[in-house]
Amino acid sequence: MAAAAAATGAEAREVPLTASIEQSTLASGVRVLTERMPDATSVSLGCWVAIGGRDETPALDGASHFLEHLLFKGTASRSARDIAEAVEAVGGEVNAFTAKEHTAYYARLPATAVGLGLDVLTDVLTAPAFRPDEVEAERQVILEELALSEDEPEDRVHTLAHEAMWPDHPLGREVLGTPESITGMGRDDIAGFFDAHYRATNLVVAAAGAVEHDEVLSAVDARFGSPASSVDRPARHVPTGASVSRALIRRPTEQGNLVVAWPAFDLHDPDRFALAVLNQVLGGGLSSRLFQQIREERGLAYSVYSSTALYADAGMLAAYAGTGPARAAEVRKLIVAEAESLAVAGITERELEVAAGYLEGSLLLGLEDSTGRMARLGGQVTARGRVVPIDQQVAAIRAVTVDDVARVAGRVLGADPVICGVGPLTESDLG
């Protein structure tokens, strides 16, 4: 083990997290994690960059997402077509996504092509070409994507909820940027953002499947092996401003789209497991209160659910429903009433049993494929700085009690909600 670490330039091979998960840190600062799946015939590779939408200035709003598009457009030695053909020739796939606090680039390939996948991913993360014609072509693609998101009222109302919950704060901004920021962003602006933030110390490389730790470590070290000075991401500031209680965008759509949202807490809070149970009971599944009351019993909506969005220093619990304009006020009242009931009375033992069982089961089902395992490694280390063992996560879910959920329900749902709407609605529909 020591010889392997010295050969790759890694500072140290850390003690394996489990029998199948290993972690190392290169001298450059890149963290490398692998999970060996003995029966797998594929491998999933991911490069996670701890930079996202909240790390941009207003003038560079959407730069992380712009980069996500551009990195697969070509490198110093490969064109976009070269990248696509190389991966598809072995039956693989590459993709990427941008979030508020990170950006991820990933590939899934047959195990025999792991070397190709590592070469492509490390190439796009270290030597993007930023050819002017490709920048301009992708600018138009992103403007079309922005137009598409504006035409999707369900997406737009969730974005509106973020804007209302955290006005004048980066967490409230659309990850895609705005037409003005995307149009005004020059090629050198984007390349400068890349040079400033896409550094080894902001990078986590994760791999899962039929993969050997040393192979991944060597490939990453070949691209990121030189020691580098620490580069911090831009300073992140905790949201402190007051929320906007009501926000409405009137549009001539067939349905009214509603979001009722409550401020929650950050992703490190010890109450996050109880919040996950609370969300599941409120609107997380087919047996949830909102689904049963609004869809099953009253037939007021086809789509109704709740979800959480937890960040490094803030969070939100939001309930969504799409319904006919004439029923919007009734649906909104039902959502608010159910939340108030949970804040006062909590949940039942049976609801806890079902919700906790679902969370545990979905966690375990997510481990069946290499992509899920890779995303777990990369996502947790990027967000939390470490991988939480599965048995600890399961134990934390099982440890949640009805009293825990009641406490969290009072803590979250006891606050005044932010209510947002998109569609042919009126101010009175929002209450």
Protein backbone atom coordinates (compact mmCIF):
# COMPACT_ATOMS: atom_id res chain seq x y z
CA MET A 1 0.00 0.00 0.00
CA ALA A 2 2.76 2.46 0.92
CA ALA A 3 4.62 1.69 -2.31
CA ALA A 4 1.50 2.37 -4.34
CA ALA A 5 0.96 5.69 -2.61
CA ALA A 6 4.52 6.77 -3.21
CA ALA A 7 4.32 5.77 -6.87
CA THR A 8 1.25 7.87 -7.51
CA GLY A 9 2.30 10.90 -5.49
CA ALA A 10 -0.55 10.44 -3.02
CA GLU A 11 0.07 11.95 0.37
CA ALA A 12 -1.35 8.87 2.08
CA ARG A 13 -3.60 5.91 1.56
CA GLU A 14 -6.24 6.29 4.22
CA VAL A 15 -7.64 3.35 6.13
CA PRO A 16 -10.38 1.76 3.99
CA LEU A 17 -13.81 3.07 4.96
CA THR A 18 -15.24 -0.40 4.47
CA ALA A 19 -13.95 -3.62 2.96
CA SER A 20 -14.90 -2.30 -0.47
CA ILE A 21 -14.43 1.50 -0.17
CA GLU A 22 -11.01 3.14 -0.25
CA GLN A 23 -10.02 6.79 -0.06
CA SER A 24 -6.77 8.60 -0.83
CA THR A 25 -5.71 12.22 -1.08
CA LEU A 26 -3.18 13.22 -3.71
CA ALA A 27 -0.43 15.72 -3.00
CA SER A 28 -2.36 18.15 -5.21
CA GLY A 29 -5.34 17.96 -2.87
CA VAL A 30 -7.64 15.86 -5.05
CA ARG A 31 -9.61 13.36 -2.99
CA VAL A 32 -10.09 9.99 -4.68
CA LEU A 33 -12.66 7.42 -3.54
CA THR A 34 -13.47 4.04 -5.01
CA GLU A 35 -15.95 1.33 -4.17
CA ARG A 36 -15.26 -2.14 -5.49
CA MET A 37 -18.36 -4.10 -6.57
CA PRO A 38 -17.07 -7.62 -7.26
CA ASP A 39 -20.04 -8.77 -9.36
CA ALA A 40 -20.32 -5.61 -11.47
CA THR A 41 -19.49 -5.57 -15.17
CA SER A 42 -19.55 -1.78 -15.43
CA VAL A 43 -17.88 1.16 -13.77
CA SER A 44 -19.26 4.60 -12.96
CA LEU A 45 -16.81 7.48 -12.71
CA GLY A 46 -17.53 10.96 -11.42
CA CYS A 47 -15.63 14.21 -10.99
CA TRP A 48 -17.33 16.42 -8.39
CA VAL A 49 -16.34 20.07 -8.21
CA ALA A 50 -17.26 21.93 -5.01
CA ILE A 51 -18.41 24.98 -6.98
CA GLY A 52 -22.02 25.68 -7.93
CA GLY A 53 -24.57 28.34 -8.63
CA ARG A 54 -24.27 30.02 -5.24
CA ASP A 55 -20.56 30.67 -5.79
CA GLU A 56 -21.07 33.07 -8.70
CA THR A 57 -21.21 36.85 -8.78
CA PRO A 58 -24.37 38.38 -10.32
CA ALA A 59 -22.42 39.20 -13.48
CA LEU A 60 -21.38 35.54 -13.79
CA ASP A 61 -24.78 34.12 -12.85
CA GLY A 62 -24.95 30.77 -14.63
CA ALA A 63 -21.18 30.39 -15.14
CA SER A 64 -21.04 26.96 -13.47
CA HIS A 65 -23.81 25.67 -15.71
CA PHE A 66 -22.20 27.26 -18.77
CA LEU A 67 -18.97 25.42 -17.88
CA GLU A 68 -20.88 22.17 -17.48
CA HIS A 69 -21.96 22.50 -21.10
CA LEU A 70 -18.61 23.66 -22.43
CA LEU A 71 -16.29 21.07 -20.91
CA PHE A 72 -17.71 18.31 -23.08
CA LYS A 73 -17.47 20.53 -26.16
CA GLY A 74 -13.82 19.70 -26.55
CA THR A 75 -10.32 19.78 -25.11
CA ALA A 76 -6.91 20.70 -26.47
CA SER A 77 -6.66 17.23 -28.04
CA ARG A 78 -10.29 16.17 -28.53
CA SER A 79 -13.31 17.66 -30.26
CA ALA A 80 -16.82 17.23 -28.92
CA ARG A 81 -17.36 14.60 -31.61
CA ASP A 82 -14.17 12.78 -30.58
CA ILE A 83 -15.43 12.59 -26.99
CA ALA A 84 -18.88 11.38 -27.99
CA GLU A 85 -17.59 8.77 -30.44
CA ALA A 86 -14.96 7.40 -28.06
CA VAL A 87 -17.49 6.85 -25.30
CA GLU A 88 -20.33 5.57 -27.48
CA ALA A 89 -18.00 3.17 -29.32
CA VAL A 90 -17.78 1.13 -26.11
CA GLY A 91 -21.47 1.48 -25.21
CA GLY A 92 -20.85 4.08 -22.53
CA GLU A 93 -22.44 7.41 -21.67
CA VAL A 94 -21.25 10.72 -20.26
CA ASN A 95 -23.27 13.46 -18.65
CA ALA A 96 -23.10 16.30 -16.14
CA PHE A 97 -25.27 18.44 -13.90
CA THR A 98 -25.02 21.69 -11.99
CA ALA A 99 -26.44 22.26 -8.52
CA LYS A 100 -26.42 25.16 -6.08
CA GLU A 101 -23.24 24.01 -4.31
CA HIS A 102 -21.44 21.68 -6.71
CA THR A 103 -21.08 20.57 -10.32
CA ALA A 104 -20.61 16.93 -11.34
CA TYR A 105 -19.27 15.28 -14.49
CA TYR A 106 -19.71 11.55 -14.80
CA ALA A 107 -19.49 8.53 -17.08
CA ARG A 108 -20.73 4.94 -17.04
CA LEU A 109 -18.87 2.41 -19.13
CA PRO A 110 -18.11 -1.31 -19.36
CA ALA A 111 -15.39 -2.32 -16.93
CA THR A 112 -13.05 -3.01 -19.84
CA ALA A 113 -13.19 0.69 -20.79
CA VAL A 114 -12.40 2.19 -17.39
CA GLY A 115 -9.11 3.57 -18.69
CA LEU A 116 -10.89 5.38 -21.51
CA GLY A 117 -13.44 6.86 -19.10
CA LEU A 118 -10.76 8.13 -16.74
CA ASP A 119 -8.78 9.62 -19.61
CA VAL A 120 -11.81 11.46 -21.03
CA LEU A 121 -13.05 12.83 -17.70
CA THR A 122 -9.65 14.01 -16.50
CA ASP A 123 -8.98 15.53 -19.92
CA VAL A 124 -12.14 17.65 -19.91
CA LEU A 125 -11.45 18.76 -16.33
CA THR A 126 -7.87 19.86 -17.03
CA ALA A 127 -7.64 20.95 -20.66
CA PRO A 128 -10.90 22.47 -21.93
CA ALA A 129 -10.42 24.27 -25.23
CA PHE A 130 -13.04 27.03 -24.86
CA ARG A 131 -13.01 27.53 -28.62
CA PRO A 132 -14.85 30.79 -29.39
CA ASP A 133 -17.22 29.24 -31.95
CA GLU A 134 -18.17 26.48 -29.50
CA VAL A 135 -18.75 29.01 -26.73
CA GLU A 136 -21.14 30.92 -28.97
CA ALA A 137 -22.95 27.76 -30.09
CA GLU A 138 -23.41 26.60 -26.52
CA ARG A 139 -24.56 30.04 -25.46
CA GLN A 140 -27.52 29.63 -27.81
CA VAL A 141 -28.22 26.14 -26.42
CA ILE A 142 -28.34 27.52 -22.87
CA LEU A 143 -30.63 30.38 -23.91
CA GLU A 144 -32.96 27.74 -25.38
CA GLU A 145 -32.73 25.78 -22.12
CA LEU A 146 -33.67 28.92 -20.19
CA ALA A 147 -36.64 29.46 -22.47
CA LEU A 148 -37.69 25.84 -21.95
CA SER A 149 -37.49 26.19 -18.17
CA GLU A 150 -39.67 29.30 -18.35
CA ASP A 151 -42.23 27.29 -20.33
CA GLU A 152 -42.39 24.57 -17.65
CA PRO A 153 -44.67 26.02 -14.95
CA GLU A 154 -43.90 23.27 -12.44
CA ASP A 155 -40.18 24.01 -12.71
CA ARG A 156 -40.78 27.75 -12.68
CA VAL A 157 -42.81 27.71 -9.47
CA HIS A 158 -40.06 25.82 -7.65
CA THR A 159 -37.53 28.37 -8.86
CA LEU A 160 -39.89 31.12 -7.74
CA ALA A 161 -40.05 29.53 -4.27
CA HIS A 162 -36.26 29.72 -3.99
CA GLU A 163 -36.34 33.34 -5.13
CA ALA A 164 -39.00 34.18 -2.55
CA MET A 165 -37.36 32.22 0.28
CA TRP A 166 -33.92 33.76 -0.27
CA PRO A 167 -34.31 37.05 -2.14
CA ASP A 168 -31.09 38.90 -2.94
CA HIS A 169 -29.05 35.82 -2.06
CA PRO A 170 -27.26 33.37 -4.40
CA LEU A 171 -29.38 30.44 -3.15
CA GLY A 172 -32.39 32.23 -4.57
CA ARG A 173 -30.94 32.54 -8.06
CA GLU A 174 -31.62 30.18 -10.94
CA VAL A 175 -28.65 27.84 -11.55
CA LEU A 176 -29.08 28.29 -15.30
CA GLY A 177 -28.47 32.02 -15.00
CA THR A 178 -30.55 34.64 -16.75
CA PRO A 179 -30.78 35.58 -20.44
CA GLU A 180 -28.93 38.79 -19.58
CA SER A 181 -26.08 37.12 -17.71
CA ILE A 182 -25.64 34.36 -20.29
CA THR A 183 -25.68 36.83 -23.15
CA GLY A 184 -23.20 39.11 -21.42
CA MET A 185 -20.72 36.42 -20.39
CA GLY A 186 -17.65 36.42 -22.61
CA ARG A 187 -15.37 33.53 -23.45
CA ASP A 188 -12.61 34.97 -21.23
CA ASP A 189 -15.06 35.41 -18.33
CA ILE A 190 -15.93 31.71 -18.43
CA ALA A 191 -12.32 30.60 -18.84
CA GLY A 192 -11.36 32.85 -15.93
CA PHE A 193 -14.03 31.32 -13.70
CA PHE A 194 -12.68 27.87 -14.61
CA ASP A 195 -9.07 28.84 -13.90
CA ALA A 196 -9.98 30.39 -10.56
CA HIS A 197 -12.15 27.60 -9.16
CA TYR A 198 -11.62 24.32 -11.01
CA ARG A 199 -8.57 23.47 -8.92
CA ALA A 200 -7.46 20.21 -7.39
CA THR A 201 -8.41 21.23 -3.87
CA ASN A 202 -12.03 21.68 -4.99
CA LEU A 203 -12.18 18.30 -6.72
CA VAL A 204 -13.42 14.88 -5.63
CA VAL A 205 -13.07 11.89 -7.96
CA ALA A 206 -15.32 8.93 -7.21
CA ALA A 207 -15.61 5.56 -8.92
CA ALA A 208 -17.71 2.48 -8.26
CA GLY A 209 -18.11 -0.88 -9.93
CA ALA A 210 -15.51 -3.25 -11.35
CA VAL A 211 -12.67 -0.90 -10.56
CA GLU A 212 -9.33 -0.99 -8.78
CA HIS A 213 -8.37 1.86 -6.49
CA ASP A 214 -4.77 2.04 -7.71
CA GLU A 215 -5.86 2.31 -11.34
CA VAL A 216 -8.08 5.29 -10.59
CA LEU A 217 -5.45 6.86 -8.37
CA SER A 218 -2.77 6.59 -11.05
CA ALA A 219 -4.97 8.07 -13.75
CA VAL A 220 -6.02 11.02 -11.61
CA ASP A 221 -2.47 11.57 -10.39
CA ALA A 222 -1.24 11.76 -13.99
CA ARG A 223 -3.47 14.82 -14.50
CA PHE A 224 -3.56 16.33 -11.02
CA GLY A 225 -0.37 15.02 -9.43
CA SER A 226 1.60 18.24 -8.94
CA PRO A 227 1.34 19.77 -5.48
CA ALA A 228 -0.78 22.89 -5.56
CA SER A 229 -1.41 25.71 -3.18
CA SER A 230 -4.79 25.58 -1.52
CA VAL A 231 -7.50 27.39 -3.46
CA ASP A 232 -10.63 28.21 -1.55
CA ARG A 233 -13.99 28.60 -3.19
CA PRO A 234 -15.64 32.01 -2.94
CA ALA A 235 -16.88 32.91 0.53
CA ARG A 236 -20.40 31.70 1.19
CA HIS A 237 -22.70 33.85 3.28
CA VAL A 238 -25.62 32.56 5.34
CA PRO A 239 -28.98 33.93 4.11
CA THR A 240 -30.13 36.57 6.55
CA GLY A 241 -32.72 38.64 4.71
CA ALA A 242 -36.45 38.31 5.17
CA SER A 243 -38.38 36.06 2.82
CA VAL A 244 -41.10 37.27 0.47
CA SER A 245 -44.32 35.80 1.84
CA ARG A 246 -46.20 35.65 -1.47
CA ALA A 247 -45.01 35.53 -5.09
CA LEU A 248 -47.16 35.11 -8.18
CA ILE A 249 -46.42 34.86 -11.90
CA ARG A 250 -49.61 35.00 -13.92
CA ARG A 251 -49.66 32.85 -17.06
CA PRO A 252 -52.41 31.46 -19.30
CA THR A 253 -51.67 27.81 -18.48
CA GLU A 254 -54.30 25.12 -18.01
CA GLN A 255 -53.34 24.51 -14.39
CA GLY A 256 -52.38 26.61 -11.43
CA ASN A 257 -49.03 25.54 -9.96
CA LEU A 258 -48.59 26.09 -6.24
CA VAL A 259 -45.66 25.76 -3.86
CA VAL A 260 -46.04 26.22 -0.12
CA ALA A 261 -42.59 26.35 1.48
CA TRP A 262 -41.17 26.63 4.98
CA PRO A 263 -37.62 27.57 6.00
CA ALA A 264 -35.78 24.53 7.34
CA PHE A 265 -32.18 23.98 8.42
CA ASP A 266 -28.87 22.99 6.84
CA LEU A 267 -27.72 19.58 5.69
CA HIS A 268 -25.49 19.07 8.74
CA ASP A 269 -28.25 19.51 11.31
CA PRO A 270 -28.74 16.43 13.52
CA ASP A 271 -32.50 16.74 12.97
CA ARG A 272 -32.15 16.06 9.23
CA PHE A 273 -33.25 12.44 9.57
CA ALA A 274 -36.38 13.43 11.46
CA LEU A 275 -37.02 16.05 8.76
CA ALA A 276 -36.74 13.34 6.10
CA VAL A 277 -39.40 11.33 7.93
CA LEU A 278 -41.59 14.42 8.28
CA ASN A 279 -41.30 15.14 4.56
CA GLN A 280 -42.19 11.54 3.71
CA VAL A 281 -45.31 11.72 5.87
CA LEU A 282 -46.33 15.11 4.52
CA GLY A 283 -45.99 14.46 0.80
CA GLY A 284 -43.13 12.10 0.04
CA GLY A 285 -45.04 9.14 -1.31
CA LEU A 286 -48.36 7.57 -2.28
CA SER A 287 -49.29 6.98 1.36
CA SER A 288 -48.46 10.56 2.38
CA ARG A 289 -51.07 12.86 3.85
CA LEU A 290 -51.09 15.31 0.96
CA PHE A 291 -51.34 12.62 -1.71
CA GLN A 292 -54.13 10.81 0.10
CA GLN A 293 -56.14 13.92 0.96
CA ILE A 294 -55.70 16.03 -2.15
CA ARG A 295 -55.53 13.40 -4.87
CA GLU A 296 -57.01 10.17 -3.59
CA GLU A 297 -59.87 11.45 -1.44
CA ARG A 298 -60.79 14.70 -3.20
CA GLY A 299 -59.39 14.33 -6.72
CA LEU A 300 -58.13 17.90 -6.70
CA ALA A 301 -54.74 17.30 -8.31
CA TYR A 302 -52.86 14.79 -10.40
CA SER A 303 -49.43 15.81 -9.13
CA VAL A 304 -48.97 16.61 -5.44
CA TYR A 305 -45.85 16.02 -3.35
CA SER A 306 -43.35 17.53 -0.95
CA SER A 307 -39.56 17.68 -0.95
CA THR A 308 -36.62 19.13 0.94
CA ALA A 309 -33.71 21.26 -0.29
CA LEU A 310 -30.87 21.32 2.24
CA TYR A 311 -27.69 23.34 1.72
CA ALA A 312 -24.53 24.04 3.70
CA ASP A 313 -26.16 26.79 5.76
CA ALA A 314 -29.88 26.87 4.93
CA GLY A 315 -32.77 24.67 3.94
CA MET A 316 -36.37 24.48 2.83
CA LEU A 317 -39.32 22.08 2.99
CA ALA A 318 -41.72 22.63 0.11
CA ALA A 319 -45.06 21.16 -0.93
CA TYR A 320 -46.21 21.32 -4.57
CA ALA A 321 -49.56 20.80 -6.25
CA GLY A 322 -50.80 21.39 -9.78
CA THR A 323 -54.56 21.97 -9.93
CA GLY A 324 -57.32 23.73 -11.82
CA PRO A 325 -57.41 27.49 -11.21
CA ALA A 326 -60.84 27.29 -9.58
CA ARG A 327 -59.48 24.81 -7.03
CA ALA A 328 -56.18 26.49 -6.25
CA ALA A 329 -57.34 28.26 -3.09
CA GLU A 330 -58.87 25.05 -1.73
CA VAL A 331 -55.71 23.07 -2.41
CA ARG A 332 -53.55 25.75 -0.81
CA LYS A 333 -55.74 25.72 2.30
CA LEU A 334 -55.51 21.92 2.53
CA ILE A 335 -51.70 22.02 2.34
CA VAL A 336 -51.45 24.71 5.00
CA ALA A 337 -53.98 22.96 7.25
CA GLU A 338 -52.12 19.65 7.02
CA ALA A 339 -48.85 21.35 7.87
CA GLU A 340 -50.44 23.09 10.85
CA SER A 341 -51.84 19.76 12.04
CA LEU A 342 -48.41 18.18 11.87
CA ALA A 343 -46.87 21.13 13.71
CA VAL A 344 -49.37 20.72 16.55
CA ALA A 345 -49.96 16.97 16.77
CA GLY A 346 -47.00 15.34 15.00
CA ILE A 347 -47.32 11.93 13.35
CA THR A 348 -48.55 8.49 14.38
CA GLU A 349 -46.45 5.44 15.13
CA ARG A 350 -47.76 3.79 11.95
CA GLU A 351 -46.77 6.80 9.86
CA LEU A 352 -43.30 6.67 11.39
CA GLU A 353 -43.03 2.96 10.61
CA VAL A 354 -44.02 3.42 6.96
CA ALA A 355 -41.92 6.54 6.37
CA ALA A 356 -38.78 5.22 8.05
CA GLY A 357 -39.16 1.91 6.25
CA TYR A 358 -39.40 3.70 2.93
CA LEU A 359 -36.33 5.84 3.61
CA GLU A 360 -34.28 2.84 4.67
CA GLY A 361 -35.44 0.74 1.75
CA SER A 362 -34.83 3.44 -0.87
CA LEU A 363 -31.36 4.04 0.57
CA LEU A 364 -30.50 0.35 0.18
CA LEU A 365 -32.08 0.08 -3.27
CA GLY A 366 -29.90 2.97 -4.39
CA LEU A 367 -26.85 0.78 -3.80
CA GLU A 368 -27.79 -1.75 -6.46
CA ASP A 369 -26.06 0.01 -9.37
CA SER A 370 -22.62 1.51 -9.77
CA THR A 371 -23.93 4.99 -10.62
CA GLY A 372 -25.83 5.24 -7.35
CA ARG A 373 -22.80 4.16 -5.35
CA MET A 374 -20.48 6.54 -7.20
CA ALA A 375 -22.88 9.44 -6.66
CA ARG A 376 -23.11 8.61 -2.97
CA LEU A 377 -19.32 8.73 -2.57
CA GLY A 378 -18.79 11.90 -4.56
CA GLY A 379 -21.83 13.73 -3.26
CA GLN A 380 -21.20 13.03 0.42
CA VAL A 381 -17.53 13.93 0.39
CA THR A 382 -18.18 17.11 -1.58
CA ALA A 383 -21.00 18.22 0.70
CA ARG A 384 -20.01 16.76 4.08
CA GLY A 385 -16.30 16.11 3.78
CA ARG A 386 -16.71 12.40 4.47
CA VAL A 387 -18.64 9.29 3.54
CA VAL A 388 -21.20 8.29 6.14
CA PRO A 389 -21.27 4.47 6.38
CA ILE A 390 -24.54 2.88 5.31
CA ASP A 391 -25.05 1.21 8.67
CA GLN A 392 -24.79 4.61 10.38
CA GLN A 393 -27.36 6.11 8.03
CA VAL A 394 -29.72 3.20 8.57
CA ALA A 395 -29.25 3.42 12.34
CA ALA A 396 -29.98 7.15 12.26
CA ILE A 397 -33.22 6.57 10.35
CA ARG A 398 -34.28 3.79 12.70
CA ALA A 399 -33.50 5.97 15.72
CA VAL A 400 -36.06 8.64 14.74
CA THR A 401 -39.05 8.70 17.09
CA VAL A 402 -42.49 10.29 16.86
CA ASP A 403 -41.28 12.81 19.44
CA ASP A 404 -38.33 13.72 17.20
CA VAL A 405 -40.65 14.30 14.26
CA ALA A 406 -43.07 16.32 16.42
CA ARG A 407 -40.20 18.53 17.54
CA VAL A 408 -39.01 19.09 13.97
CA ALA A 409 -42.55 19.67 12.72
CA GLY A 410 -42.96 22.41 15.31
CA ARG A 411 -39.56 23.79 14.46
CA VAL A 412 -40.19 23.93 10.68
CA LEU A 413 -43.92 23.91 10.03
CA GLY A 414 -44.62 26.26 12.89
CA ALA A 415 -43.19 29.14 10.84
CA ASP A 416 -45.22 31.21 8.39
CA PRO A 417 -44.91 29.68 4.93
CA VAL A 418 -43.85 31.25 1.67
CA ILE A 419 -46.60 30.66 -0.90
CA CYS A 420 -45.88 30.88 -4.63
CA GLY A 421 -47.97 30.39 -7.73
CA VAL A 422 -47.52 30.19 -11.49
CA GLY A 423 -50.51 30.11 -13.79
CA PRO A 424 -53.94 31.73 -14.18
CA LEU A 425 -54.12 32.52 -10.47
CA THR A 426 -54.95 35.56 -8.36
CA GLU A 427 -53.44 36.98 -5.21
CA SER A 428 -56.39 35.64 -3.23
CA ASP A 429 -55.55 32.10 -4.36
CA LEU A 430 -52.27 32.40 -2.46
CA GLY A 431 -54.01 33.58 0.70
